[in-house]
PDB file of N, CA and C in Angstrom:
ATOM      1  N   MET A   1       1.648  14.158  -0.316  1.00  0.00           N
ATOM      2  CA  MET A   1       3.144  14.480   0.288  1.00  0.00           C
ATOM      3  C   MET A   1       3.725  14.983  -0.971  1.00  0.00           C
ATOM      4  N   GLY A   2       4.527  16.280  -0.832  1.00  0.00           N
ATOM      5  CA  GLY A   2       5.237  16.557  -1.860  1.00  0.00           C
ATOM      6  C   GLY A   2       6.536  15.988  -2.185  1.00  0.00           C
ATOM      7  N   ILE A   3       7.015  16.181  -3.170  1.00  0.00           N
ATOM      8  CA  ILE A   3       8.122  15.487  -3.807  1.00  0.00           C
ATOM      9  C   ILE A   3       9.367  16.053  -3.353  1.00  0.00           C
ATOM     10  N   TYR A   4       9.455  17.314  -2.783  1.00  0.00           N
ATOM     11  CA  TYR A   4      10.704  17.898  -2.566  1.00  0.00           C
ATOM     12  C   TYR A   4      10.571  18.285  -1.081  1.00  0.00           C
ATOM     13  N   GLN A   5      10.274  17.470  -0.113  1.00  0.00           N
ATOM     14  CA  GLN A   5      10.119  17.564   1.295  1.00  0.00           C
ATOM     15  C   GLN A   5      11.385  17.478   1.868  1.00  0.00           C
ATOM     16  N   ILE A   6      11.753  18.436   2.784  1.00  0.00           N
ATOM     17  CA  ILE A   6      13.059  18.332   3.583  1.00  0.00           C
ATOM     18  C   ILE A   6      12.810  17.344   4.951  1.00  0.00           C
ATOM     19  N   TRP A   7      13.535  16.553   5.019  1.00  0.00           N
ATOM     20  CA  TRP A   7      13.173  15.364   6.309  1.00  0.00           C
ATOM     21  C   TRP A   7      14.428  15.675   7.208  1.00  0.00           C
ATOM     22  N   ARG A   8      14.126  15.612   8.371  1.00  0.00           N
ATOM     23  CA  ARG A   8      14.992  15.724   9.559  1.00  0.00           C
ATOM     24  C   ARG A   8      14.596  14.572  10.382  1.00  0.00           C
ATOM     25  N   GLU A   9      15.630  14.224  11.355  1.00  0.00           N
ATOM     26  CA  GLU A   9      15.304  13.212  12.562  1.00  0.00           C
ATOM     27  C   GLU A   9      15.004  11.877  11.724  1.00  0.00           C
ATOM     28  N   LEU A  10      15.823  11.315  10.958  1.00  0.00           N
ATOM     29  CA  LEU A  10      15.401  10.066  10.174  1.00  0.00           C
ATOM     30  C   LEU A  10      15.622   8.934  10.964  1.00  0.00           C
ATOM     31  N   HIS A  11      14.546   7.898  10.865  1.00  0.00           N
ATOM     32  CA  HIS A  11      14.724   6.639  11.531  1.00  0.00           C
ATOM     33  C   HIS A  11      14.400   5.455  10.423  1.00  0.00           C
ATOM     34  N   ARG A  12      15.087   4.500  10.609  1.00  0.00           N
ATOM     35  CA  ARG A  12      14.821   3.324   9.536  1.00  0.00           C
ATOM     36  C   ARG A  12      14.133   2.247  10.495  1.00  0.00           C
ATOM     37  N   VAL A  13      12.978   1.841   9.834  1.00  0.00           N
ATOM     38  CA  VAL A  13      12.337   0.401  10.356  1.00  0.00           C
ATOM     39  C   VAL A  13      12.140  -0.362   9.177  1.00  0.00           C
ATOM     40  N   GLY A  14      13.125  -1.343   8.945  1.00  0.00           N
ATOM     41  CA  GLY A  14      12.919  -2.043   7.645  1.00  0.00           C
ATOM     42  C   GLY A  14      13.108  -1.101   6.453  1.00  0.00           C
ATOM     43  N   LYS A  15      12.230  -1.283   5.439  1.00  0.00           N
ATOM     44  CA  LYS A  15      12.287  -0.396   4.293  1.00  0.00           C
ATOM     45  C   LYS A  15      11.620   0.888   4.570  1.00  0.00           C
ATOM     46  N   VAL A  16      10.957   1.063   5.643  1.00  0.00           N
ATOM     47  CA  VAL A  16      10.427   2.296   5.784  1.00  0.00           C
ATOM     48  C   VAL A  16      11.134   3.157   6.504  1.00  0.00           C
ATOM     49  N   THR A  17      11.081   4.473   6.114  1.00  0.00           N
ATOM     50  CA  THR A  17      11.817   5.643   6.811  1.00  0.00           C
ATOM     51  C   THR A  17      10.757   6.504   7.525  1.00  0.00           C
ATOM     52  N   VAL A  18      11.120   6.948   8.686  1.00  0.00           N
ATOM     53  CA  VAL A  18      10.439   7.947   9.556  1.00  0.00           C
ATOM     54  C   VAL A  18      11.199   9.038   9.886  1.00  0.00           C
ATOM     55  N   GLY A  19      10.522  10.384   9.680  1.00  0.00           N
ATOM     56  CA  GLY A  19      11.106  11.299   9.917  1.00  0.00           C
ATOM     57  C   GLY A  19      10.147  12.529   9.945  1.00  0.00           C
ATOM     58  N   THR A  20      10.936  13.849  10.367  1.00  0.00           N
ATOM     59  CA  THR A  20      10.039  14.915  10.463  1.00  0.00           C
ATOM     60  C   THR A  20       9.924  15.679   9.044  1.00  0.00           C
ATOM     61  N   ALA A  21       8.811  16.393   8.770  1.00  0.00           N
ATOM     62  CA  ALA A  21       9.038  17.168   7.594  1.00  0.00           C
ATOM     63  C   ALA A  21       7.683  18.207   7.860  1.00  0.00           C
ATOM     64  N   HIS A  22       7.626  19.244   6.978  1.00  0.00           N
ATOM     65  CA  HIS A  22       6.663  20.332   7.182  1.00  0.00           C
ATOM     66  C   HIS A  22       5.491  19.737   6.466  1.00  0.00           C
ATOM     67  N   GLY A  23       4.315  19.996   7.071  1.00  0.00           N
ATOM     68  CA  GLY A  23       3.105  19.584   6.627  1.00  0.00           C
ATOM     69  C   GLY A  23       2.477  20.591   5.510  1.00  0.00           C
ATOM     70  N   ARG A  24       1.143  20.368   5.065  1.00  0.00           N
ATOM     71  CA  ARG A  24       0.724  21.304   3.986  1.00  0.00           C
ATOM     72  C   ARG A  24       0.676  22.793   4.471  1.00  0.00           C
ATOM     73  N   ARG A  25       0.279  22.949   5.720  1.00  0.00           N
ATOM     74  CA  ARG A  25       0.136  24.415   6.074  1.00  0.00           C
ATOM     75  C   ARG A  25       1.422  24.882   6.921  1.00  0.00           C
ATOM     76  N   GLY A  26       2.535  24.033   6.814  1.00  0.00           N
ATOM     77  CA  GLY A  26       3.762  24.587   7.337  1.00  0.00           C
ATOM     78  C   GLY A  26       4.192  23.921   8.930  1.00  0.00           C
ATOM     79  N   GLN A  27       3.190  23.262   9.418  1.00  0.00           N
ATOM     80  CA  GLN A  27       3.358  22.677  10.705  1.00  0.00           C
ATOM     81  C   GLN A  27       4.242  21.725  10.722  1.00  0.00           C
ATOM     82  N   ILE A  28       5.083  21.038  11.734  1.00  0.00           N
ATOM     83  CA  ILE A  28       5.836  19.861  11.584  1.00  0.00           C
ATOM     84  C   ILE A  28       4.950  18.753  11.694  1.00  0.00           C
ATOM     85  N   LYS A  29       5.189  17.779  10.878  1.00  0.00           N
ATOM     86  CA  LYS A  29       4.381  16.492  10.887  1.00  0.00           C
ATOM     87  C   LYS A  29       5.368  15.445  10.918  1.00  0.00           C
ATOM     88  N   TYR A  30       5.057  14.133  11.357  1.00  0.00           N
ATOM     89  CA  TYR A  30       5.844  12.926  11.386  1.00  0.00           C
ATOM     90  C   TYR A  30       5.471  12.199  10.141  1.00  0.00           C
ATOM     91  N   VAL A  31       6.337  11.839   9.309  1.00  0.00           N
ATOM     92  CA  VAL A  31       6.058  11.220   8.151  1.00  0.00           C
ATOM     93  C   VAL A  31       6.501   9.725   8.027  1.00  0.00           C
ATOM     94  N   ALA A  32       5.880   8.694   7.670  1.00  0.00           N
ATOM     95  CA  ALA A  32       6.664   7.388   7.478  1.00  0.00           C
ATOM     96  C   ALA A  32       6.327   6.969   6.025  1.00  0.00           C
ATOM     97  N   ALA A  33       7.373   6.758   5.292  1.00  0.00           N
ATOM     98  CA  ALA A  33       7.132   6.424   3.866  1.00  0.00           C
ATOM     99  C   ALA A  33       8.114   5.134   3.457  1.00  0.00           C
ATOM    100  N   CYS A  34       7.617   4.231   2.717  1.00  0.00           N
ATOM    101  CA  CYS A  34       8.340   3.062   2.374  1.00  0.00           C
ATOM    102  C   CYS A  34       9.293   3.443   1.151  1.00  0.00           C
ATOM    103  N   ALA A  35      10.486   2.865   1.404  1.00  0.00           N
ATOM    104  CA  ALA A  35      11.732   3.110   0.329  1.00  0.00           C
ATOM    105  C   ALA A  35      11.709   2.221  -0.898  1.00  0.00           C
ATOM    106  N   ALA A  36      10.686   1.287  -0.874  1.00  0.00           N
ATOM    107  CA  ALA A  36      10.767   0.311  -2.166  1.00  0.00           C
ATOM    108  C   ALA A  36      10.327   1.310  -3.264  1.00  0.00           C
ATOM    109  N   ASP A  37      10.823   0.623  -4.447  1.00  0.00           N
ATOM    110  CA  ASP A  37      10.650   1.621  -5.758  1.00  0.00           C
ATOM    111  C   ASP A  37       9.268   1.894  -6.109  1.00  0.00           C
ATOM    112  N   ASP A  38       8.552   0.741  -6.287  1.00  0.00           N
ATOM    113  CA  ASP A  38       7.045   0.770  -6.667  1.00  0.00           C
ATOM    114  C   ASP A  38       6.007   1.056  -5.658  1.00  0.00           C
ATOM    115  N   CYS A  39       6.297   1.005  -4.452  1.00  0.00           N
ATOM    116  CA  CYS A  39       5.355   0.776  -3.264  1.00  0.00           C
ATOM    117  C   CYS A  39       4.401   2.276  -3.200  1.00  0.00           C
ATOM    118  N   GLY A  40       4.992   3.270  -2.861  1.00  0.00           N
ATOM    119  CA  GLY A  40       4.211   4.674  -2.922  1.00  0.00           C
ATOM    120  C   GLY A  40       3.410   4.636  -1.678  1.00  0.00           C
ATOM    121  N   TRP A  41       3.726   3.950  -0.652  1.00  0.00           N
ATOM    122  CA  TRP A  41       3.031   3.994   0.732  1.00  0.00           C
ATOM    123  C   TRP A  41       3.676   5.223   1.549  1.00  0.00           C
ATOM    124  N   ALA A  42       2.826   6.088   1.924  1.00  0.00           N
ATOM    125  CA  ALA A  42       3.279   6.943   2.798  1.00  0.00           C
ATOM    126  C   ALA A  42       2.333   7.661   3.613  1.00  0.00           C
ATOM    127  N   VAL A  43       2.401   7.702   4.970  1.00  0.00           N
ATOM    128  CA  VAL A  43       1.377   8.403   6.153  1.00  0.00           C
ATOM    129  C   VAL A  43       2.100   9.501   6.763  1.00  0.00           C
ATOM    130  N   GLU A  44       1.107  10.526   7.319  1.00  0.00           N
ATOM    131  CA  GLU A  44       1.623  11.608   7.910  1.00  0.00           C
ATOM    132  C   GLU A  44       0.696  11.676   9.265  1.00  0.00           C
ATOM    133  N   TYR A  45       1.493  11.966  10.246  1.00  0.00           N
ATOM    134  CA  TYR A  45       0.979  11.932  11.685  1.00  0.00           C
ATOM    135  C   TYR A  45       1.291  13.264  12.453  1.00  0.00           C
ATOM    136  N   ASP A  46       0.591  13.639  13.417  1.00  0.00           N
ATOM    137  CA  ASP A  46       1.155  14.786  14.415  1.00  0.00           C
ATOM    138  C   ASP A  46       2.089  14.370  15.302  1.00  0.00           C
ATOM    139  N   ASP A  47       2.320  12.976  15.830  1.00  0.00           N
ATOM    140  CA  ASP A  47       3.217  12.690  16.817  1.00  0.00           C
ATOM    141  C   ASP A  47       3.894  11.462  16.178  1.00  0.00           C
ATOM    142  N   ILE A  48       5.068  11.004  16.762  1.00  0.00           N
ATOM    143  CA  ILE A  48       6.064  10.196  16.266  1.00  0.00           C
ATOM    144  C   ILE A  48       5.608   8.745  16.689  1.00  0.00           C
ATOM    145  N   SER A  49       4.947   8.677  17.827  1.00  0.00           N
ATOM    146  CA  SER A  49       4.326   7.284  18.074  1.00  0.00           C
ATOM    147  C   SER A  49       3.786   6.608  17.098  1.00  0.00           C
ATOM    148  N   PRO A  50       2.516   7.205  16.698  1.00  0.00           N
ATOM    149  CA  PRO A  50       1.748   6.516  15.528  1.00  0.00           C
ATOM    150  C   PRO A  50       2.534   6.245  14.351  1.00  0.00           C
ATOM    151  N   ALA A  51       3.294   7.067  14.061  1.00  0.00           N
ATOM    152  CA  ALA A  51       4.257   7.091  12.842  1.00  0.00           C
ATOM    153  C   ALA A  51       5.246   5.688  12.793  1.00  0.00           C
ATOM    154  N   MET A  52       5.673   5.337  14.051  1.00  0.00           N
ATOM    155  CA  MET A  52       6.483   4.366  14.070  1.00  0.00           C
ATOM    156  C   MET A  52       5.783   3.072  14.145  1.00  0.00           C
ATOM    157  N   ILE A  53       4.619   3.149  14.802  1.00  0.00           N
ATOM    158  CA  ILE A  53       3.728   2.032  14.855  1.00  0.00           C
ATOM    159  C   ILE A  53       3.327   1.674  13.478  1.00  0.00           C
ATOM    160  N   ALA A  54       2.974   2.720  12.640  1.00  0.00           N
ATOM    161  CA  ALA A  54       2.642   2.361  11.169  1.00  0.00           C
ATOM    162  C   ALA A  54       3.823   1.893  10.516  1.00  0.00           C
ATOM    163  N   ALA A  55       4.828   2.315  10.669  1.00  0.00           N
ATOM    164  CA  ALA A  55       6.173   1.798  10.040  1.00  0.00           C
ATOM    165  C   ALA A  55       6.385   0.231  10.203  1.00  0.00           C
ATOM    166  N   GLN A  56       6.213  -0.022  11.644  1.00  0.00           N
ATOM    167  CA  GLN A  56       6.459  -1.441  11.947  1.00  0.00           C
ATOM    168  C   GLN A  56       5.371  -2.373  11.411  1.00  0.00           C
ATOM    169  N   GLY A  57       3.991  -1.542  11.368  1.00  0.00           N
ATOM    170  CA  GLY A  57       3.067  -2.706  10.680  1.00  0.00           C
ATOM    171  C   GLY A  57       2.901  -2.669   9.326  1.00  0.00           C
ATOM    172  N   HIS A  58       3.710  -1.931   8.580  1.00  0.00           N
ATOM    173  CA  HIS A  58       3.542  -1.860   7.091  1.00  0.00           C
ATOM    174  C   HIS A  58       4.040  -3.027   6.360  1.00  0.00           C
ATOM    175  N   ARG A  59       3.299  -3.730   5.612  1.00  0.00           N
ATOM    176  CA  ARG A  59       3.619  -4.729   4.851  1.00  0.00           C
ATOM    177  C   ARG A  59       3.873  -4.823   3.200  1.00  0.00           C
ATOM    178  N   CYS A  60       5.018  -4.328   2.932  1.00  0.00           N
ATOM    179  CA  CYS A  60       5.132  -3.871   1.459  1.00  0.00           C
ATOM    180  C   CYS A  60       4.678  -5.147   0.620  1.00  0.00           C
ATOM    181  N   PRO A  61       3.783  -4.720  -0.470  1.00  0.00           N
ATOM    182  CA  PRO A  61       3.383  -5.681  -1.421  1.00  0.00           C
ATOM    183  C   PRO A  61       4.545  -5.845  -2.381  1.00  0.00           C
ATOM    184  N   ILE A  62       5.510  -5.133  -2.688  1.00  0.00           N
ATOM    185  CA  ILE A  62       6.748  -5.091  -3.454  1.00  0.00           C
ATOM    186  C   ILE A  62       7.780  -6.161  -2.882  1.00  0.00           C
ATOM    187  N   ARG A  63       8.063  -7.277  -3.547  1.00  0.00           N
ATOM    188  CA  ARG A  63       9.195  -8.135  -3.088  1.00  0.00           C
ATOM    189  C   ARG A  63      10.246  -8.090  -4.065  1.00  0.00           C
TER     190      ARG A  63
END
């Protein structure tokens, strides 16, 4: 996932942000990324449902 992604339609689930961004080939993807400083967890899906489920199931190791 690139550093300079433009996110739209942001949703927050705890520390995780879910939004839309452009994928590697320009198509729209749904991205869930943890906002904790040292976590670095992020996933990319084609639909918002799996992204929201991944955001709800994420257990951040940083406390």
